[in-house]
Amino acid sequence: MKRAGSFVTVAAAVIFCLSFLCSVSFLAIHAHHHCTDEHCSVCAVLVQCNRRLRSAAAAGSAALLLLFCSMAAAFLTSAETREASCETLVSLKVEMLN
């Protein structure tokens, strides 16, 4: 069962990457397109590719921001934990004698 989930994940990642590769290549090929009609199909596809790439860039920057914030929070909480529990009587092996 885990193997099938892994295959689906890899397949989705490959399709996702191919989608962006095709968008970039289409934009590069038709960069100097000159429209003659008001309802040009090439221009419609160019707009769609441009939107896809811009939304991916926004999602990537949001993911990086989320990753940075979570790592900063983890670092700050681990630093507080280390300072709070640095030395106790048990860790110093103090014997209590009467």
Protein backbone atom coordinates (compact mmCIF):
# COMPACT_ATOMS: atom_id res chain seq x y z
CA MET A 1 0.00 0.00 0.00
CA LYS A 2 2.84 2.38 0.82
CA ARG A 3 4.47 1.58 -2.52
CA ALA A 4 1.36 2.63 -4.46
CA GLY A 5 1.18 5.92 -2.58
CA SER A 6 4.82 6.57 -3.33
CA PHE A 7 4.26 5.88 -7.03
CA VAL A 8 1.31 8.27 -7.14
CA THR A 9 3.37 10.96 -5.43
CA VAL A 10 6.25 10.58 -7.87
CA ALA A 11 3.88 10.55 -10.85
CA ALA A 12 2.15 13.72 -9.63
CA ALA A 13 5.53 15.44 -9.15
CA VAL A 14 6.65 14.45 -12.65
CA ILE A 15 3.40 15.69 -14.21
CA PHE A 16 3.70 18.93 -12.22
CA CYS A 17 7.27 19.52 -13.43
CA LEU A 18 6.40 18.65 -17.03
CA SER A 19 3.52 21.10 -16.90
CA PHE A 20 5.87 23.93 -15.99
CA LEU A 21 8.50 22.82 -18.48
CA CYS A 22 5.90 22.85 -21.26
CA SER A 23 4.65 26.28 -20.15
CA VAL A 24 8.14 27.75 -20.21
CA SER A 25 8.96 26.20 -23.57
CA PHE A 26 5.67 27.42 -25.09
CA LEU A 27 6.34 30.93 -23.82
CA ALA A 28 9.87 30.82 -25.23
CA ILE A 29 8.76 29.55 -28.63
CA HIS A 30 5.91 32.04 -29.03
CA ALA A 31 7.57 35.03 -27.37
CA HIS A 32 7.43 37.12 -30.55
CA HIS A 33 3.88 36.21 -31.57
CA HIS A 34 1.99 38.90 -33.47
CA CYS A 35 -1.80 38.73 -33.28
CA THR A 36 -3.98 39.46 -36.23
CA ASP A 37 -7.32 38.48 -34.72
CA GLU A 38 -9.14 39.61 -31.60
CA HIS A 39 -9.77 36.05 -30.34
CA CYS A 40 -6.34 34.54 -30.91
CA SER A 41 -5.91 31.03 -29.48
CA VAL A 42 -2.13 31.43 -29.17
CA CYS A 43 -2.54 34.55 -27.04
CA ALA A 44 -5.06 32.76 -24.82
CA VAL A 45 -2.61 29.92 -24.21
CA LEU A 46 0.22 32.41 -23.58
CA VAL A 47 -1.87 34.14 -20.91
CA GLN A 48 -2.74 30.79 -19.31
CA CYS A 49 0.94 29.71 -19.23
CA ASN A 50 1.96 33.04 -17.75
CA ARG A 51 -0.68 32.74 -15.01
CA ARG A 52 0.44 29.19 -14.19
CA LEU A 53 4.05 30.26 -13.80
CA ARG A 54 3.16 33.30 -11.70
CA SER A 55 0.95 31.28 -9.37
CA ALA A 56 3.73 28.71 -8.94
CA ALA A 57 6.17 31.47 -8.07
CA ALA A 58 3.76 32.87 -5.48
CA ALA A 59 3.16 29.41 -4.01
CA GLY A 60 6.90 28.72 -3.88
CA SER A 61 7.65 31.96 -2.08
CA ALA A 62 4.83 31.30 0.39
CA ALA A 63 6.19 27.80 1.02
CA LEU A 64 9.68 29.17 1.63
CA LEU A 65 8.30 31.77 4.04
CA LEU A 66 6.38 29.07 5.91
CA LEU A 67 9.49 26.88 6.05
CA PHE A 68 11.61 29.76 7.37
CA CYS A 69 9.05 30.64 10.06
CA SER A 70 8.71 27.04 11.23
CA MET A 71 12.49 26.58 11.39
CA ALA A 72 12.85 29.84 13.33
CA ALA A 73 10.15 28.75 15.78
CA ALA A 74 11.81 25.34 16.22
CA PHE A 75 15.20 26.96 16.82
CA LEU A 76 13.82 29.41 19.37
CA THR A 77 11.94 26.74 21.32
CA SER A 78 14.95 24.43 21.38
CA ALA A 79 17.16 27.28 22.65
CA GLU A 80 14.69 28.01 25.47
CA THR A 81 14.54 24.32 26.40
CA ARG A 82 18.31 24.05 26.57
CA GLU A 83 18.59 27.14 28.81
CA ALA A 84 15.81 26.04 31.14
CA SER A 85 17.15 22.55 31.79
CA CYS A 86 20.89 23.11 31.75
CA GLU A 87 21.69 22.29 35.40
CA THR A 88 19.70 20.58 38.12
CA LEU A 89 20.72 18.93 41.36
CA VAL A 90 20.23 15.51 39.81
CA SER A 91 22.33 16.33 36.75
CA LEU A 92 25.07 17.70 39.04
CA LYS A 93 24.83 14.48 41.14
CA VAL A 94 24.45 16.30 44.44
CA GLU A 95 23.92 14.08 47.46
CA MET A 96 21.55 15.34 50.16
CA LEU A 97 22.95 14.30 53.56
CA ASN A 98 21.27 14.79 56.93
